[in-house]
């Protein structure tokens, strides 16, 4: 990670901490209830993380899973989407998916092989 990428990450993290602090101080000194409404949007973090994974070509598979989970939880909040209790029996699929993703990463994946082929052609 370059220094500029690391600085950008620190800037975003600092902004998040600042926003949380402002929310708490406003709730402490007013009758407004902000945190309860903001907390319902936590799945957006999963969506952003998933998009980042895909955008940076780190892990398309993991990114899609994060986006799917975030969408399900947002759908539950905004559209009264009902999640069956039986769905929780399938959580090990996430572990399996992460394992498969790591195996593909260790072999270099399709993109890494394509990049190696291009570099070999340039030489």
N, C-alpha and C. Protein backbone atom coordinates (compact mmCIF):
# COMPACT_ATOMS: atom_id res chain seq x y z
N UNK A 1 0.84 -1.17 0.00
CA UNK A 1 0.00 0.00 0.00
C UNK A 1 0.89 1.24 0.00
N UNK A 2 0.61 2.14 -0.90
CA UNK A 2 1.43 3.34 -0.99
C UNK A 2 1.04 4.32 0.12
N UNK A 3 1.90 5.31 0.31
CA UNK A 3 1.66 6.30 1.36
C UNK A 3 0.38 7.08 1.10
N UNK A 4 0.08 7.37 -0.19
CA UNK A 4 -1.13 8.13 -0.49
C UNK A 4 -2.38 7.31 -0.21
N UNK A 5 -2.35 5.99 -0.51
CA UNK A 5 -3.50 5.13 -0.22
C UNK A 5 -3.70 5.01 1.28
N UNK A 6 -2.61 4.88 2.02
CA UNK A 6 -2.70 4.76 3.47
C UNK A 6 -3.25 6.05 4.06
N UNK A 7 -2.82 7.19 3.56
CA UNK A 7 -3.33 8.48 4.03
C UNK A 7 -4.80 8.65 3.74
N UNK A 8 -5.23 8.18 2.58
CA UNK A 8 -6.64 8.27 2.21
C UNK A 8 -7.48 7.43 3.17
N UNK A 9 -7.01 6.25 3.51
CA UNK A 9 -7.73 5.38 4.45
C UNK A 9 -7.83 6.01 5.81
N UNK A 10 -6.77 6.65 6.27
CA UNK A 10 -6.79 7.32 7.57
C UNK A 10 -7.75 8.49 7.56
N UNK A 11 -7.84 9.19 6.46
CA UNK A 11 -8.74 10.33 6.33
C UNK A 11 -10.19 9.88 6.44
N UNK A 12 -10.53 8.80 5.76
CA UNK A 12 -11.90 8.27 5.81
C UNK A 12 -12.22 7.77 7.21
N UNK A 13 -11.28 7.04 7.82
CA UNK A 13 -11.49 6.53 9.17
C UNK A 13 -11.68 7.69 10.15
N UNK A 14 -10.89 8.73 10.01
CA UNK A 14 -11.03 9.91 10.87
C UNK A 14 -12.38 10.59 10.69
N UNK A 15 -12.85 10.66 9.46
CA UNK A 15 -14.15 11.27 9.18
C UNK A 15 -15.27 10.45 9.82
N UNK A 16 -15.16 9.14 9.77
CA UNK A 16 -16.18 8.27 10.38
C UNK A 16 -16.21 8.48 11.88
N UNK A 17 -15.04 8.52 12.51
CA UNK A 17 -14.97 8.72 13.97
C UNK A 17 -15.54 10.10 14.34
N UNK A 18 -15.22 11.10 13.56
CA UNK A 18 -15.75 12.45 13.79
C UNK A 18 -17.28 12.44 13.72
N UNK A 19 -17.85 11.78 12.70
CA UNK A 19 -19.30 11.72 12.54
C UNK A 19 -19.96 11.01 13.71
N UNK A 20 -19.37 9.91 14.15
CA UNK A 20 -19.93 9.17 15.30
C UNK A 20 -19.90 10.04 16.55
N UNK A 21 -18.81 10.75 16.76
CA UNK A 21 -18.71 11.65 17.91
C UNK A 21 -19.75 12.75 17.88
N UNK A 22 -19.96 13.33 16.70
CA UNK A 22 -20.97 14.39 16.56
C UNK A 22 -22.37 13.84 16.85
N UNK A 23 -22.64 12.63 16.35
CA UNK A 23 -23.94 12.02 16.61
C UNK A 23 -24.16 11.83 18.11
N UNK A 24 -23.16 11.32 18.81
CA UNK A 24 -23.29 11.11 20.25
C UNK A 24 -23.47 12.42 21.00
N UNK A 25 -22.73 13.45 20.63
CA UNK A 25 -22.84 14.73 21.35
C UNK A 25 -24.20 15.38 21.11
N UNK A 26 -24.71 15.28 19.88
CA UNK A 26 -26.04 15.83 19.58
C UNK A 26 -27.11 15.09 20.36
N UNK A 27 -27.00 13.76 20.43
CA UNK A 27 -27.99 12.99 21.21
C UNK A 27 -27.92 13.30 22.70
N UNK A 28 -26.72 13.56 23.22
CA UNK A 28 -26.58 13.85 24.65
C UNK A 28 -27.17 15.20 25.04
N UNK A 29 -27.15 16.17 24.14
CA UNK A 29 -27.59 17.51 24.49
C UNK A 29 -28.92 17.92 23.87
N UNK A 30 -29.55 17.02 23.11
CA UNK A 30 -30.86 17.32 22.52
C UNK A 30 -31.77 16.10 22.72
N UNK A 31 -32.99 16.25 22.28
CA UNK A 31 -33.95 15.14 22.35
C UNK A 31 -33.97 14.34 21.05
N UNK A 32 -33.08 14.63 20.15
CA UNK A 32 -33.04 13.92 18.87
C UNK A 32 -32.47 12.52 19.04
N UNK A 33 -33.07 11.58 18.34
CA UNK A 33 -32.54 10.22 18.33
C UNK A 33 -32.00 9.95 16.93
N UNK A 34 -30.70 10.13 16.78
CA UNK A 34 -30.04 9.97 15.49
C UNK A 34 -29.44 8.58 15.35
N UNK A 35 -28.81 8.11 16.39
CA UNK A 35 -28.04 6.86 16.30
C UNK A 35 -28.91 5.68 15.89
N UNK A 36 -30.12 5.61 16.41
CA UNK A 36 -31.02 4.51 16.06
C UNK A 36 -31.30 4.45 14.57
N UNK A 37 -31.45 5.61 13.96
CA UNK A 37 -31.71 5.66 12.51
C UNK A 37 -30.46 5.39 11.71
N UNK A 38 -29.34 5.93 12.15
CA UNK A 38 -28.08 5.72 11.44
C UNK A 38 -27.66 4.26 11.53
N UNK A 39 -27.84 3.65 12.71
CA UNK A 39 -27.41 2.26 12.91
C UNK A 39 -28.14 1.31 11.97
N UNK A 40 -29.36 1.63 11.58
CA UNK A 40 -30.10 0.77 10.66
C UNK A 40 -29.45 0.71 9.28
N UNK A 41 -28.55 1.62 9.01
CA UNK A 41 -27.88 1.65 7.71
C UNK A 41 -26.52 0.96 7.71
N UNK A 42 -26.21 0.18 8.76
CA UNK A 42 -24.91 -0.49 8.84
C UNK A 42 -24.64 -1.39 7.64
N UNK A 43 -25.64 -2.00 6.97
CA UNK A 43 -25.31 -2.84 5.82
C UNK A 43 -24.66 -2.08 4.66
N UNK A 44 -24.78 -0.77 4.66
CA UNK A 44 -24.11 0.03 3.62
C UNK A 44 -22.60 -0.20 3.69
N UNK A 45 -22.09 -0.45 4.88
CA UNK A 45 -20.66 -0.74 5.05
C UNK A 45 -20.29 -1.99 4.25
N UNK A 46 -21.15 -3.01 4.31
CA UNK A 46 -20.90 -4.23 3.54
C UNK A 46 -20.93 -3.95 2.03
N UNK A 47 -21.89 -3.13 1.61
CA UNK A 47 -21.98 -2.79 0.19
C UNK A 47 -20.71 -2.06 -0.28
N UNK A 48 -20.28 -1.08 0.48
CA UNK A 48 -19.08 -0.32 0.10
C UNK A 48 -17.85 -1.22 0.10
N UNK A 49 -17.74 -2.08 1.09
CA UNK A 49 -16.61 -3.01 1.16
C UNK A 49 -16.61 -3.95 -0.04
N UNK A 50 -17.79 -4.46 -0.39
CA UNK A 50 -17.90 -5.36 -1.54
C UNK A 50 -17.53 -4.67 -2.84
N UNK A 51 -18.01 -3.44 -3.02
CA UNK A 51 -17.68 -2.68 -4.22
C UNK A 51 -16.18 -2.41 -4.28
N UNK A 52 -15.60 -2.09 -3.13
CA UNK A 52 -14.15 -1.85 -3.07
C UNK A 52 -13.37 -3.10 -3.45
N UNK A 53 -13.79 -4.26 -2.96
CA UNK A 53 -13.12 -5.52 -3.28
C UNK A 53 -13.15 -5.77 -4.79
N UNK A 54 -14.30 -5.53 -5.40
CA UNK A 54 -14.44 -5.76 -6.84
C UNK A 54 -13.67 -4.71 -7.62
N UNK A 55 -13.79 -3.45 -7.24
CA UNK A 55 -13.15 -2.34 -7.95
C UNK A 55 -11.63 -2.48 -7.98
N UNK A 56 -11.07 -2.91 -6.86
CA UNK A 56 -9.62 -3.04 -6.76
C UNK A 56 -9.13 -4.41 -7.23
N UNK A 57 -10.03 -5.20 -7.80
CA UNK A 57 -9.70 -6.54 -8.30
C UNK A 57 -9.06 -7.43 -7.24
N UNK A 58 -9.42 -7.21 -6.00
CA UNK A 58 -8.89 -8.06 -4.94
C UNK A 58 -9.59 -9.40 -4.95
N UNK A 59 -10.92 -9.38 -4.89
CA UNK A 59 -11.69 -10.61 -4.85
C UNK A 59 -13.11 -10.35 -5.32
N UNK A 60 -13.38 -10.73 -6.55
CA UNK A 60 -14.71 -10.51 -7.09
C UNK A 60 -15.72 -11.37 -6.34
N UNK A 61 -15.36 -12.61 -6.06
CA UNK A 61 -16.26 -13.53 -5.38
C UNK A 61 -16.64 -13.01 -4.00
N UNK A 62 -15.67 -12.61 -3.21
CA UNK A 62 -15.91 -12.09 -1.87
C UNK A 62 -16.70 -10.79 -1.95
N UNK A 63 -16.39 -9.95 -2.92
CA UNK A 63 -17.11 -8.69 -3.10
C UNK A 63 -18.58 -8.91 -3.40
N UNK A 64 -18.89 -9.87 -4.25
CA UNK A 64 -20.28 -10.17 -4.58
C UNK A 64 -21.02 -10.71 -3.35
N UNK A 65 -20.36 -11.53 -2.55
CA UNK A 65 -20.99 -12.05 -1.34
C UNK A 65 -21.29 -10.90 -0.37
N UNK A 66 -20.34 -9.99 -0.19
CA UNK A 66 -20.57 -8.85 0.70
C UNK A 66 -21.73 -7.99 0.21
N UNK A 67 -21.79 -7.75 -1.09
CA UNK A 67 -22.87 -6.95 -1.65
C UNK A 67 -24.21 -7.66 -1.46
N UNK A 68 -24.24 -8.97 -1.66
CA UNK A 68 -25.48 -9.72 -1.49
C UNK A 68 -25.97 -9.66 -0.04
N UNK A 69 -25.07 -9.86 0.91
CA UNK A 69 -25.46 -9.82 2.32
C UNK A 69 -25.94 -8.42 2.70
N UNK A 70 -25.22 -7.40 2.26
CA UNK A 70 -25.63 -6.03 2.56
C UNK A 70 -26.99 -5.70 1.96
N UNK A 71 -27.24 -6.17 0.75
CA UNK A 71 -28.52 -5.93 0.08
C UNK A 71 -29.66 -6.62 0.82
N UNK A 72 -29.43 -7.84 1.29
CA UNK A 72 -30.47 -8.57 2.03
C UNK A 72 -30.83 -7.81 3.30
N UNK A 73 -29.82 -7.35 4.05
CA UNK A 73 -30.12 -6.64 5.29
C UNK A 73 -30.74 -5.27 5.04
N UNK A 74 -30.34 -4.58 3.98
CA UNK A 74 -30.99 -3.30 3.66
C UNK A 74 -32.42 -3.53 3.21
N UNK A 75 -32.64 -4.61 2.45
CA UNK A 75 -34.00 -4.95 2.02
C UNK A 75 -34.89 -5.25 3.21
N UNK A 76 -34.32 -5.88 4.22
CA UNK A 76 -35.07 -6.18 5.44
C UNK A 76 -35.51 -4.88 6.12
N UNK A 77 -34.64 -3.89 6.11
CA UNK A 77 -34.96 -2.62 6.78
C UNK A 77 -35.91 -1.75 5.95
N UNK A 78 -35.60 -1.56 4.67
CA UNK A 78 -36.37 -0.63 3.85
C UNK A 78 -37.67 -1.22 3.29
N UNK A 79 -37.68 -2.50 2.96
CA UNK A 79 -38.83 -3.07 2.26
C UNK A 79 -39.52 -4.16 3.07
N UNK A 80 -39.25 -4.26 4.35
CA UNK A 80 -39.82 -5.29 5.22
C UNK A 80 -39.62 -6.68 4.64
N UNK A 81 -38.47 -6.86 4.01
CA UNK A 81 -38.09 -8.17 3.46
C UNK A 81 -37.91 -9.13 4.63
N UNK A 82 -38.61 -10.24 4.59
CA UNK A 82 -38.58 -11.20 5.70
C UNK A 82 -37.51 -12.25 5.42
N UNK A 83 -36.61 -12.40 6.37
CA UNK A 83 -35.56 -13.41 6.27
C UNK A 83 -36.00 -14.62 7.08
N UNK A 84 -36.11 -15.73 6.42
CA UNK A 84 -36.52 -16.96 7.11
C UNK A 84 -35.48 -17.34 8.16
N UNK A 85 -35.95 -17.92 9.25
CA UNK A 85 -35.03 -18.37 10.29
C UNK A 85 -34.12 -19.48 9.78
N UNK A 86 -34.55 -20.21 8.77
CA UNK A 86 -33.75 -21.30 8.21
C UNK A 86 -32.51 -20.81 7.48
N UNK A 87 -32.50 -19.55 7.07
CA UNK A 87 -31.35 -19.03 6.32
C UNK A 87 -30.08 -19.06 7.17
N UNK A 88 -30.22 -18.95 8.48
CA UNK A 88 -29.06 -18.94 9.35
C UNK A 88 -28.36 -20.29 9.40
N UNK A 89 -29.02 -21.34 8.93
CA UNK A 89 -28.38 -22.65 8.86
C UNK A 89 -27.33 -22.70 7.76
N UNK A 90 -27.40 -21.75 6.83
CA UNK A 90 -26.50 -21.76 5.67
C UNK A 90 -25.27 -20.88 5.85
N UNK A 91 -25.06 -20.31 7.04
CA UNK A 91 -23.92 -19.40 7.22
C UNK A 91 -22.58 -20.07 6.93
N UNK A 92 -22.40 -21.39 7.12
CA UNK A 92 -21.10 -21.98 6.78
C UNK A 92 -20.73 -21.84 5.30
N UNK A 93 -21.72 -21.56 4.47
CA UNK A 93 -21.43 -21.35 3.04
C UNK A 93 -20.47 -20.18 2.88
N UNK A 94 -20.57 -19.17 3.75
CA UNK A 94 -19.65 -18.03 3.69
C UNK A 94 -18.22 -18.48 3.95
N UNK A 95 -18.04 -19.37 4.91
CA UNK A 95 -16.69 -19.88 5.21
C UNK A 95 -16.17 -20.68 4.02
N UNK A 96 -17.04 -21.51 3.44
CA UNK A 96 -16.65 -22.29 2.26
C UNK A 96 -16.27 -21.36 1.11
N UNK A 97 -17.07 -20.32 0.91
CA UNK A 97 -16.80 -19.37 -0.17
C UNK A 97 -15.47 -18.66 0.04
N UNK A 98 -15.19 -18.27 1.27
CA UNK A 98 -13.92 -17.62 1.56
C UNK A 98 -12.75 -18.57 1.31
N UNK A 99 -12.93 -19.84 1.67
CA UNK A 99 -11.89 -20.83 1.41
C UNK A 99 -11.63 -21.00 -0.07
N UNK A 100 -12.69 -21.09 -0.86
CA UNK A 100 -12.55 -21.22 -2.32
C UNK A 100 -11.87 -19.98 -2.88
N UNK A 101 -12.27 -18.82 -2.37
CA UNK A 101 -11.67 -17.57 -2.84
C UNK A 101 -10.17 -17.56 -2.56
N UNK A 102 -9.77 -17.99 -1.38
CA UNK A 102 -8.34 -18.01 -1.03
C UNK A 102 -7.57 -19.01 -1.89
N UNK A 103 -8.20 -20.14 -2.20
CA UNK A 103 -7.54 -21.12 -3.07
C UNK A 103 -7.29 -20.53 -4.44
N UNK A 104 -8.31 -19.86 -4.99
CA UNK A 104 -8.13 -19.24 -6.31
C UNK A 104 -7.07 -18.14 -6.27
N UNK A 105 -7.05 -17.39 -5.18
CA UNK A 105 -6.02 -16.35 -5.06
C UNK A 105 -4.62 -16.96 -5.02
N UNK A 106 -4.49 -18.10 -4.34
CA UNK A 106 -3.17 -18.72 -4.22
C UNK A 106 -2.66 -19.22 -5.57
N UNK A 107 -3.57 -19.59 -6.45
CA UNK A 107 -3.16 -20.02 -7.78
C UNK A 107 -2.98 -18.83 -8.71
N UNK A 108 -3.27 -17.66 -8.23
CA UNK A 108 -3.06 -16.45 -9.02
C UNK A 108 -4.29 -15.95 -9.73
N UNK A 109 -5.30 -16.77 -9.86
CA UNK A 109 -6.53 -16.35 -10.51
C UNK A 109 -6.34 -16.09 -11.99
N UNK A 110 -7.41 -15.86 -12.67
CA UNK A 110 -7.41 -15.64 -14.11
C UNK A 110 -6.70 -14.34 -14.46
N UNK A 111 -6.95 -13.28 -13.70
CA UNK A 111 -6.35 -11.99 -14.02
C UNK A 111 -4.83 -12.02 -13.86
N UNK A 112 -4.37 -12.68 -12.81
CA UNK A 112 -2.92 -12.76 -12.58
C UNK A 112 -2.25 -13.53 -13.69
N UNK A 113 -2.88 -14.61 -14.16
CA UNK A 113 -2.31 -15.38 -15.26
C UNK A 113 -2.27 -14.55 -16.54
N UNK A 114 -3.32 -13.77 -16.78
CA UNK A 114 -3.35 -12.92 -17.97
C UNK A 114 -2.26 -11.85 -17.90
N UNK A 115 -2.06 -11.28 -16.70
CA UNK A 115 -1.01 -10.27 -16.54
C UNK A 115 0.37 -10.88 -16.76
N UNK A 116 0.58 -12.10 -16.23
CA UNK A 116 1.87 -12.77 -16.43
C UNK A 116 2.11 -13.06 -17.90
N UNK A 117 1.08 -13.45 -18.61
CA UNK A 117 1.20 -13.74 -20.03
C UNK A 117 1.57 -12.48 -20.81
N UNK A 118 0.97 -11.37 -20.46
CA UNK A 118 1.28 -10.09 -21.12
C UNK A 118 2.71 -9.70 -20.85
N UNK A 119 3.16 -9.84 -19.60
CA UNK A 119 4.54 -9.49 -19.25
C UNK A 119 5.52 -10.38 -19.99
N UNK A 120 5.21 -11.67 -20.12
CA UNK A 120 6.09 -12.59 -20.84
C UNK A 120 6.19 -12.21 -22.31
N UNK A 121 5.08 -11.74 -22.90
CA UNK A 121 5.08 -11.34 -24.30
C UNK A 121 5.90 -10.07 -24.51
N UNK A 122 5.91 -9.20 -23.50
CA UNK A 122 6.67 -7.96 -23.61
C UNK A 122 8.17 -8.22 -23.58
N UNK A 123 8.58 -9.25 -22.89
CA UNK A 123 10.00 -9.57 -22.75
C UNK A 123 10.44 -10.24 -23.98
